[in-house]
C-alpha atoms as a PDB file:
ATOM      1  CA  UNK A   1     125.627 139.023  -3.938  1.00  0.00           C
ATOM      2  CA  UNK A   2     122.826 137.974  -1.495  1.00  0.00           C
ATOM      3  CA  UNK A   3     119.929 140.375  -0.800  1.00  0.00           C
ATOM      4  CA  UNK A   4     119.485 141.333   3.016  1.00  0.00           C
ATOM      5  CA  UNK A   5     116.608 140.173   4.851  1.00  0.00           C
ATOM      6  CA  UNK A   6     113.168 141.502   3.583  1.00  0.00           C
ATOM      7  CA  UNK A   7     112.630 143.714   6.589  1.00  0.00           C
ATOM      8  CA  UNK A   8     115.886 145.548   5.377  1.00  0.00           C
ATOM      9  CA  UNK A   9     114.674 146.003   1.907  1.00  0.00           C
ATOM     10  CA  UNK A  10     111.423 147.310   2.819  1.00  0.00           C
ATOM     11  CA  UNK A  11     113.070 149.990   5.039  1.00  0.00           C
ATOM     12  CA  UNK A  12     115.401 151.429   2.214  1.00  0.00           C
ATOM     13  CA  UNK A  13     114.120 154.249   0.460  1.00  0.00           C
ATOM     14  CA  UNK A  14     113.075 154.034  -3.127  1.00  0.00           C
ATOM     15  CA  UNK A  15     114.658 156.044  -5.759  1.00  0.00           C
ATOM     16  CA  UNK A  16     112.610 159.033  -6.667  1.00  0.00           C
ATOM     17  CA  UNK A  17     110.789 158.771  -9.992  1.00  0.00           C
ATOM     18  CA  UNK A  18     110.829 161.663 -12.464  1.00  0.00           C
ATOM     19  CA  UNK A  19     107.546 163.263 -12.683  1.00  0.00           C
ATOM     20  CA  UNK A  20     106.044 163.937 -16.022  1.00  0.00           C
ATOM     21  CA  UNK A  21     106.099 167.548 -17.070  1.00  0.00           C
ATOM     22  CA  UNK A  22     102.951 169.516 -16.650  1.00  0.00           C
ATOM     23  CA  UNK A  23     101.259 170.495 -19.674  1.00  0.00           C
ATOM     24  CA  UNK A  24     101.790 174.234 -20.405  1.00  0.00           C
ATOM     25  CA  UNK A  25      98.636 176.084 -20.988  1.00  0.00           C
ATOM     26  CA  UNK A  26      98.658 178.339 -23.923  1.00  0.00           C
ATOM     27  CA  UNK A  27      95.414 179.813 -23.468  1.00  0.00           C
ATOM     28  CA  UNK A  28      96.571 182.881 -21.462  1.00  0.00           C
ATOM     29  CA  UNK A  29      98.958 183.760 -24.412  1.00  0.00           C
ATOM     30  CA  UNK A  30      96.052 183.088 -26.871  1.00  0.00           C
ATOM     31  CA  UNK A  31      93.758 185.317 -24.852  1.00  0.00           C
ATOM     32  CA  UNK A  32      96.263 188.140 -24.669  1.00  0.00           C
ATOM     33  CA  UNK A  33      96.677 188.061 -28.400  1.00  0.00           C
ATOM     34  CA  UNK A  34      93.007 187.951 -29.051  1.00  0.00           C
ATOM     35  CA  UNK A  35      92.617 190.832 -26.624  1.00  0.00           C
ATOM     36  CA  UNK A  36      95.207 192.744 -28.546  1.00  0.00           C
ATOM     37  CA  UNK A  37      93.880 192.063 -31.940  1.00  0.00           C
ATOM     38  CA  UNK A  38      90.197 193.205 -30.432  1.00  0.00           C
ATOM     39  CA  UNK A  39      91.442 196.247 -29.049  1.00  0.00           C
ATOM     40  CA  UNK A  40      93.124 198.487 -31.795  1.00  0.00           C
ATOM     41  CA  UNK A  41      93.806 201.052 -28.929  1.00  0.00           C
ATOM     42  CA  UNK A  42      96.253 198.723 -27.420  1.00  0.00           C
ATOM     43  CA  UNK A  43      98.531 198.823 -30.345  1.00  0.00           C
ATOM     44  CA  UNK A  44      98.540 202.686 -30.322  1.00  0.00           C
ATOM     45  CA  UNK A  45      99.368 202.497 -26.530  1.00  0.00           C
ATOM     46  CA  UNK A  46     102.330 200.338 -27.186  1.00  0.00           C
ATOM     47  CA  UNK A  47     103.631 202.586 -30.050  1.00  0.00           C
ATOM     48  CA  UNK A  48     103.190 205.770 -27.540  1.00  0.00           C
ATOM     49  CA  UNK A  49     104.865 203.706 -24.801  1.00  0.00           C
ATOM     50  CA  UNK A  50     107.995 203.067 -27.102  1.00  0.00           C
ATOM     51  CA  UNK A  51     108.097 206.619 -28.162  1.00  0.00           C
ATOM     52  CA  UNK A  52     108.056 207.982 -24.768  1.00  0.00           C
ATOM     53  CA  UNK A  53     111.434 205.987 -24.107  1.00  0.00           C
ATOM     54  CA  UNK A  54     113.009 208.280 -26.684  1.00  0.00           C
ATOM     55  CA  UNK A  55     112.375 211.519 -24.793  1.00  0.00           C
ATOM     56  CA  UNK A  56     115.717 213.105 -23.659  1.00  0.00           C
ATOM     57  CA  UNK A  57     114.100 215.936 -21.353  1.00  0.00           C
ATOM     58  CA  UNK A  58     112.857 213.623 -18.697  1.00  0.00           C
ATOM     59  CA  UNK A  59     114.524 211.290 -16.259  1.00  0.00           C
ATOM     60  CA  UNK A  60     114.570 207.677 -17.139  1.00  0.00           C
ATOM     61  CA  UNK A  61     112.566 206.508 -14.380  1.00  0.00           C
ATOM     62  CA  UNK A  62     109.774 209.096 -15.206  1.00  0.00           C
ATOM     63  CA  UNK A  63     109.707 207.762 -18.675  1.00  0.00           C
ATOM     64  CA  UNK A  64     109.504 204.114 -17.545  1.00  0.00           C
ATOM     65  CA  UNK A  65     106.492 205.164 -15.256  1.00  0.00           C
ATOM     66  CA  UNK A  66     104.634 207.014 -18.119  1.00  0.00           C
ATOM     67  CA  UNK A  67     105.304 204.189 -20.469  1.00  0.00           C
ATOM     68  CA  UNK A  68     103.855 201.701 -18.005  1.00  0.00           C
ATOM     69  CA  UNK A  69     100.771 203.527 -17.272  1.00  0.00           C
ATOM     70  CA  UNK A  70      99.953 204.767 -20.955  1.00  0.00           C
ATOM     71  CA  UNK A  71      97.305 202.176 -21.471  1.00  0.00           C
ATOM     72  CA  UNK A  72      95.565 202.818 -18.189  1.00  0.00           C
ATOM     73  CA  UNK A  73      95.236 206.474 -18.841  1.00  0.00           C
ATOM     74  CA  UNK A  74      94.818 206.845 -22.655  1.00  0.00           C
ATOM     75  CA  UNK A  75      92.391 204.005 -23.144  1.00  0.00           C
ATOM     76  CA  UNK A  76      89.546 205.583 -21.437  1.00  0.00           C
ATOM     77  CA  UNK A  77      87.758 208.789 -23.102  1.00  0.00           C
ATOM     78  CA  UNK A  78      88.558 212.126 -21.602  1.00  0.00           C
ATOM     79  CA  UNK A  79      85.347 212.203 -19.949  1.00  0.00           C
ATOM     80  CA  UNK A  80      85.576 209.057 -18.019  1.00  0.00           C
ATOM     81  CA  UNK A  81      88.951 209.547 -16.849  1.00  0.00           C
ATOM     82  CA  UNK A  82      89.776 210.466 -13.143  1.00  0.00           C
ATOM     83  CA  UNK A  83      91.602 213.631 -12.428  1.00  0.00           C
ATOM     84  CA  UNK A  84      94.961 211.812 -11.842  1.00  0.00           C
ATOM     85  CA  UNK A  85      94.525 210.133 -15.172  1.00  0.00           C
ATOM     86  CA  UNK A  86      94.092 213.607 -16.814  1.00  0.00           C
ATOM     87  CA  UNK A  87      97.260 214.793 -15.288  1.00  0.00           C
ATOM     88  CA  UNK A  88      99.249 211.716 -16.369  1.00  0.00           C
ATOM     89  CA  UNK A  89      97.741 212.236 -19.816  1.00  0.00           C
ATOM     90  CA  UNK A  90      99.058 215.791 -19.866  1.00  0.00           C
ATOM     91  CA  UNK A  91     102.572 214.415 -18.629  1.00  0.00           C
ATOM     92  CA  UNK A  92     102.462 211.860 -21.648  1.00  0.00           C
ATOM     93  CA  UNK A  93     101.668 214.567 -23.985  1.00  0.00           C
ATOM     94  CA  UNK A  94     104.468 216.842 -22.746  1.00  0.00           C
ATOM     95  CA  UNK A  95     106.793 214.056 -23.356  1.00  0.00           C
ATOM     96  CA  UNK A  96     105.462 213.188 -26.759  1.00  0.00           C
ATOM     97  CA  UNK A  97     105.872 216.811 -27.792  1.00  0.00           C
ATOM     98  CA  UNK A  98     109.651 216.749 -26.559  1.00  0.00           C
ATOM     99  CA  UNK A  99     110.152 213.697 -28.747  1.00  0.00           C
ATOM    100  CA  UNK A 100     108.488 215.605 -31.657  1.00  0.00           C
ATOM    101  CA  UNK A 101     110.872 218.507 -31.164  1.00  0.00           C
ATOM    102  CA  UNK A 102     113.941 216.592 -30.931  1.00  0.00           C
ATOM    103  CA  UNK A 103     112.930 214.477 -34.191  1.00  0.00           C
ATOM    104  CA  UNK A 104     112.276 217.860 -36.055  1.00  0.00           C
ATOM    105  CA  UNK A 105     115.645 219.316 -34.920  1.00  0.00           C
ATOM    106  CA  UNK A 106     117.352 216.137 -36.231  1.00  0.00           C
ATOM    107  CA  UNK A 107     115.601 216.184 -39.406  1.00  0.00           C
ATOM    108  CA  UNK A 108     116.486 219.788 -39.806  1.00  0.00           C
ATOM    109  CA  UNK A 109     120.057 218.932 -39.085  1.00  0.00           C
ATOM    110  CA  UNK A 110     120.129 216.437 -41.770  1.00  0.00           C
ATOM    111  CA  UNK A 111     118.793 219.155 -44.479  1.00  0.00           C
END
C-alpha cells in the first residue's frame, strides 16, 4: 500500500503518547508520621476520638463532630482555650463519662 502524499501525512493526527507517571511525594506522609511521634498528645486525642464513638447516649452525628474536633480542643491547655473550646471539652467529657458508665455496667453484668 502506498503512502498518501506528504501533505496528507502531515495533517493526520499522531497517536497520543503515554505520559510517564509522576513521582509520588512521600514527604507529606513522612511529615505527618514525624509530627505524630513528636506530639504525644496526638495519640491520646486519637484514642479519645475512638472512645467517643462507643457512646450510646448521643446521636451519631454529634459523636462524629466531637471526634473530629477532639484534637483542636484538647491539645491546648485550659487557660489558652477559647470559650467555645471549653464548651466542646465539657461535651467530650460528658460523652466519655457515658462510655465509662456503660463499660462499668457491662463489666458488672459479666460478674
